Amino acid sequence: MHITVTREEVTHLREVVMQSCHCVCFMRMSPLDHARRMCLCLCVQAEAVPMVMDAVMWALPQAEFGLRQS
């Protein structure tokens, strides 16, 4: 699961993700657009995806989501 936000929102995004789901297996940050935006790559169980997305949508409605199918 990929979530993209501005660099100013990174700390808030990490807090929201960690509070909404305690089953995060992996988290990686990657800079985009010369670090004006950041992409958070999460590895979570499939059943936790809706819970994380819901929490992030409420806290950061401008966040962009992407899912990677395995």
N, C-alpha and C. Protein backbone atom coordinates (compact mmCIF):
# COMPACT_ATOMS: atom_id res chain seq x y z
N MET A 1 0.85 -1.16 0.00
CA MET A 1 0.00 0.00 0.00
C MET A 1 0.90 1.23 0.00
N HIS A 2 0.60 2.18 -0.88
CA HIS A 2 1.37 3.41 -0.99
C HIS A 2 0.47 4.60 -0.67
N ILE A 3 0.99 5.52 0.15
CA ILE A 3 0.27 6.74 0.50
C ILE A 3 1.22 7.91 0.25
N THR A 4 0.77 8.89 -0.53
CA THR A 4 1.60 10.04 -0.85
C THR A 4 1.01 11.30 -0.23
N VAL A 5 1.87 12.05 0.45
CA VAL A 5 1.48 13.31 1.09
C VAL A 5 2.60 14.33 0.89
N THR A 6 2.32 15.59 1.25
CA THR A 6 3.37 16.61 1.22
C THR A 6 4.32 16.35 2.37
N ARG A 7 5.52 16.90 2.27
CA ARG A 7 6.52 16.64 3.32
C ARG A 7 6.09 17.18 4.68
N GLU A 8 5.27 18.22 4.69
CA GLU A 8 4.80 18.78 5.96
C GLU A 8 3.85 17.83 6.69
N GLU A 9 3.23 16.92 5.97
CA GLU A 9 2.23 16.01 6.55
C GLU A 9 2.79 14.64 6.93
N VAL A 10 4.08 14.42 6.72
CA VAL A 10 4.66 13.09 6.94
C VAL A 10 4.52 12.63 8.39
N THR A 11 4.85 13.47 9.33
CA THR A 11 4.77 13.08 10.74
C THR A 11 3.34 12.74 11.14
N HIS A 12 2.40 13.56 10.72
CA HIS A 12 0.99 13.30 11.02
C HIS A 12 0.55 11.98 10.38
N LEU A 13 0.97 11.73 9.15
CA LEU A 13 0.61 10.48 8.47
C LEU A 13 1.14 9.27 9.23
N ARG A 14 2.38 9.32 9.64
CA ARG A 14 2.96 8.19 10.39
C ARG A 14 2.21 7.96 11.70
N GLU A 15 1.85 9.03 12.39
CA GLU A 15 1.11 8.90 13.64
C GLU A 15 -0.26 8.26 13.40
N VAL A 16 -0.96 8.71 12.36
CA VAL A 16 -2.28 8.17 12.04
C VAL A 16 -2.19 6.68 11.71
N VAL A 17 -1.21 6.32 10.90
CA VAL A 17 -1.05 4.91 10.50
C VAL A 17 -0.75 4.04 11.72
N MET A 18 0.17 4.47 12.56
CA MET A 18 0.54 3.65 13.71
C MET A 18 -0.58 3.56 14.74
N GLN A 19 -1.42 4.59 14.85
CA GLN A 19 -2.54 4.55 15.79
C GLN A 19 -3.69 3.72 15.26
N SER A 20 -3.87 3.69 13.95
CA SER A 20 -5.02 2.98 13.38
C SER A 20 -4.77 1.50 13.22
N CYS A 21 -3.53 1.11 13.09
CA CYS A 21 -3.23 -0.29 12.81
C CYS A 21 -1.93 -0.68 13.50
N HIS A 22 -2.00 -1.67 14.35
CA HIS A 22 -0.80 -2.13 15.04
C HIS A 22 -0.17 -3.32 14.34
N CYS A 23 -0.58 -3.58 13.11
CA CYS A 23 -0.06 -4.73 12.38
C CYS A 23 0.76 -4.31 11.16
N VAL A 24 1.44 -3.16 11.26
CA VAL A 24 2.31 -2.72 10.17
C VAL A 24 3.57 -3.57 10.22
N CYS A 25 3.84 -4.28 9.13
CA CYS A 25 5.02 -5.13 9.08
C CYS A 25 6.25 -4.37 8.59
N PHE A 26 6.01 -3.37 7.75
CA PHE A 26 7.12 -2.67 7.12
C PHE A 26 6.66 -1.28 6.72
N MET A 27 7.53 -0.28 6.87
CA MET A 27 7.20 1.08 6.47
C MET A 27 8.46 1.71 5.88
N ARG A 28 8.33 2.29 4.69
CA ARG A 28 9.46 2.95 4.05
C ARG A 28 9.02 4.27 3.45
N MET A 29 9.84 5.29 3.59
CA MET A 29 9.57 6.61 3.01
C MET A 29 10.44 6.81 1.79
N SER A 30 9.85 7.38 0.74
CA SER A 30 10.60 7.71 -0.47
C SER A 30 10.24 9.13 -0.89
N PRO A 31 11.25 9.96 -1.20
CA PRO A 31 10.97 11.32 -1.64
C PRO A 31 10.47 11.35 -3.09
N LEU A 32 9.56 12.28 -3.38
CA LEU A 32 9.05 12.50 -4.73
C LEU A 32 9.14 13.99 -5.03
N ASP A 33 9.22 14.35 -6.29
CA ASP A 33 9.21 15.77 -6.69
C ASP A 33 10.23 16.60 -5.91
N HIS A 34 11.48 16.15 -5.91
CA HIS A 34 12.55 16.85 -5.19
C HIS A 34 12.21 17.01 -3.72
N ALA A 35 11.61 15.99 -3.13
CA ALA A 35 11.26 15.90 -1.71
C ALA A 35 10.16 16.88 -1.29
N ARG A 36 9.41 17.40 -2.25
CA ARG A 36 8.25 18.23 -1.88
C ARG A 36 7.10 17.34 -1.41
N ARG A 37 7.08 16.12 -1.93
CA ARG A 37 6.08 15.14 -1.51
C ARG A 37 6.83 13.87 -1.10
N MET A 38 6.17 13.08 -0.26
CA MET A 38 6.77 11.83 0.21
C MET A 38 5.79 10.69 -0.01
N CYS A 39 6.33 9.54 -0.38
CA CYS A 39 5.52 8.34 -0.56
C CYS A 39 5.84 7.38 0.58
N LEU A 40 4.84 7.01 1.33
CA LEU A 40 4.98 6.05 2.42
C LEU A 40 4.55 4.69 1.90
N CYS A 41 5.46 3.75 1.91
CA CYS A 41 5.17 2.39 1.46
C CYS A 41 4.92 1.55 2.71
N LEU A 42 3.73 0.97 2.80
CA LEU A 42 3.34 0.17 3.96
C LEU A 42 3.13 -1.28 3.57
N CYS A 43 3.54 -2.15 4.42
CA CYS A 43 3.22 -3.56 4.26
C CYS A 43 2.31 -3.93 5.43
N VAL A 44 1.03 -4.13 5.12
CA VAL A 44 0.05 -4.49 6.15
C VAL A 44 -0.76 -5.68 5.66
N GLN A 45 -1.39 -6.35 6.58
CA GLN A 45 -2.25 -7.46 6.22
C GLN A 45 -3.43 -6.94 5.42
N ALA A 46 -3.92 -7.74 4.48
CA ALA A 46 -4.99 -7.31 3.58
C ALA A 46 -6.23 -6.83 4.35
N GLU A 47 -6.56 -7.46 5.43
CA GLU A 47 -7.76 -7.06 6.18
C GLU A 47 -7.57 -5.73 6.90
N ALA A 48 -6.33 -5.26 7.06
CA ALA A 48 -6.07 -3.99 7.72
C ALA A 48 -6.11 -2.81 6.76
N VAL A 49 -6.06 -3.06 5.46
CA VAL A 49 -6.02 -1.98 4.47
C VAL A 49 -7.22 -1.03 4.60
N PRO A 50 -8.46 -1.51 4.66
CA PRO A 50 -9.58 -0.57 4.80
C PRO A 50 -9.51 0.28 6.07
N MET A 51 -9.04 -0.30 7.16
CA MET A 51 -8.93 0.42 8.42
C MET A 51 -7.91 1.55 8.31
N VAL A 52 -6.76 1.27 7.70
CA VAL A 52 -5.72 2.29 7.53
C VAL A 52 -6.21 3.37 6.57
N MET A 53 -6.80 2.97 5.46
CA MET A 53 -7.29 3.94 4.48
C MET A 53 -8.34 4.86 5.09
N ASP A 54 -9.25 4.31 5.85
CA ASP A 54 -10.30 5.11 6.49
C ASP A 54 -9.70 6.14 7.44
N ALA A 55 -8.75 5.72 8.27
CA ALA A 55 -8.13 6.63 9.23
C ALA A 55 -7.37 7.74 8.51
N VAL A 56 -6.64 7.40 7.46
CA VAL A 56 -5.87 8.40 6.72
C VAL A 56 -6.80 9.35 5.97
N MET A 57 -7.87 8.83 5.38
CA MET A 57 -8.81 9.70 4.65
C MET A 57 -9.45 10.74 5.58
N TRP A 58 -9.75 10.36 6.81
CA TRP A 58 -10.34 11.30 7.76
C TRP A 58 -9.32 12.33 8.21
N ALA A 59 -8.09 11.89 8.47
CA ALA A 59 -7.07 12.80 9.00
C ALA A 59 -6.40 13.65 7.92
N LEU A 60 -6.19 13.06 6.74
CA LEU A 60 -5.49 13.74 5.64
C LEU A 60 -6.25 13.51 4.34
N PRO A 61 -7.35 14.23 4.12
CA PRO A 61 -8.19 13.97 2.94
C PRO A 61 -7.48 14.21 1.61
N GLN A 62 -6.38 14.96 1.59
CA GLN A 62 -5.66 15.21 0.36
C GLN A 62 -4.64 14.11 0.04
N ALA A 63 -4.47 13.12 0.90
CA ALA A 63 -3.52 12.04 0.66
C ALA A 63 -3.93 11.24 -0.58
N GLU A 64 -2.92 10.74 -1.29
CA GLU A 64 -3.16 9.92 -2.49
C GLU A 64 -2.80 8.48 -2.16
N PHE A 65 -3.67 7.56 -2.59
CA PHE A 65 -3.47 6.15 -2.29
C PHE A 65 -3.15 5.35 -3.54
N GLY A 66 -2.37 4.31 -3.33
CA GLY A 66 -2.08 3.35 -4.40
C GLY A 66 -1.91 1.98 -3.75
N LEU A 67 -2.37 0.96 -4.44
CA LEU A 67 -2.24 -0.41 -3.94
C LEU A 67 -1.39 -1.22 -4.90
N ARG A 68 -0.54 -2.03 -4.36
CA ARG A 68 0.28 -2.91 -5.18
C ARG A 68 -0.26 -4.32 -5.05
N GLN A 69 -0.62 -4.90 -6.15
CA GLN A 69 -1.14 -6.26 -6.14
C GLN A 69 0.02 -7.24 -6.19
N SER A 70 -0.01 -8.27 -5.33
CA SER A 70 1.08 -9.25 -5.34
C SER A 70 0.60 -10.57 -5.92
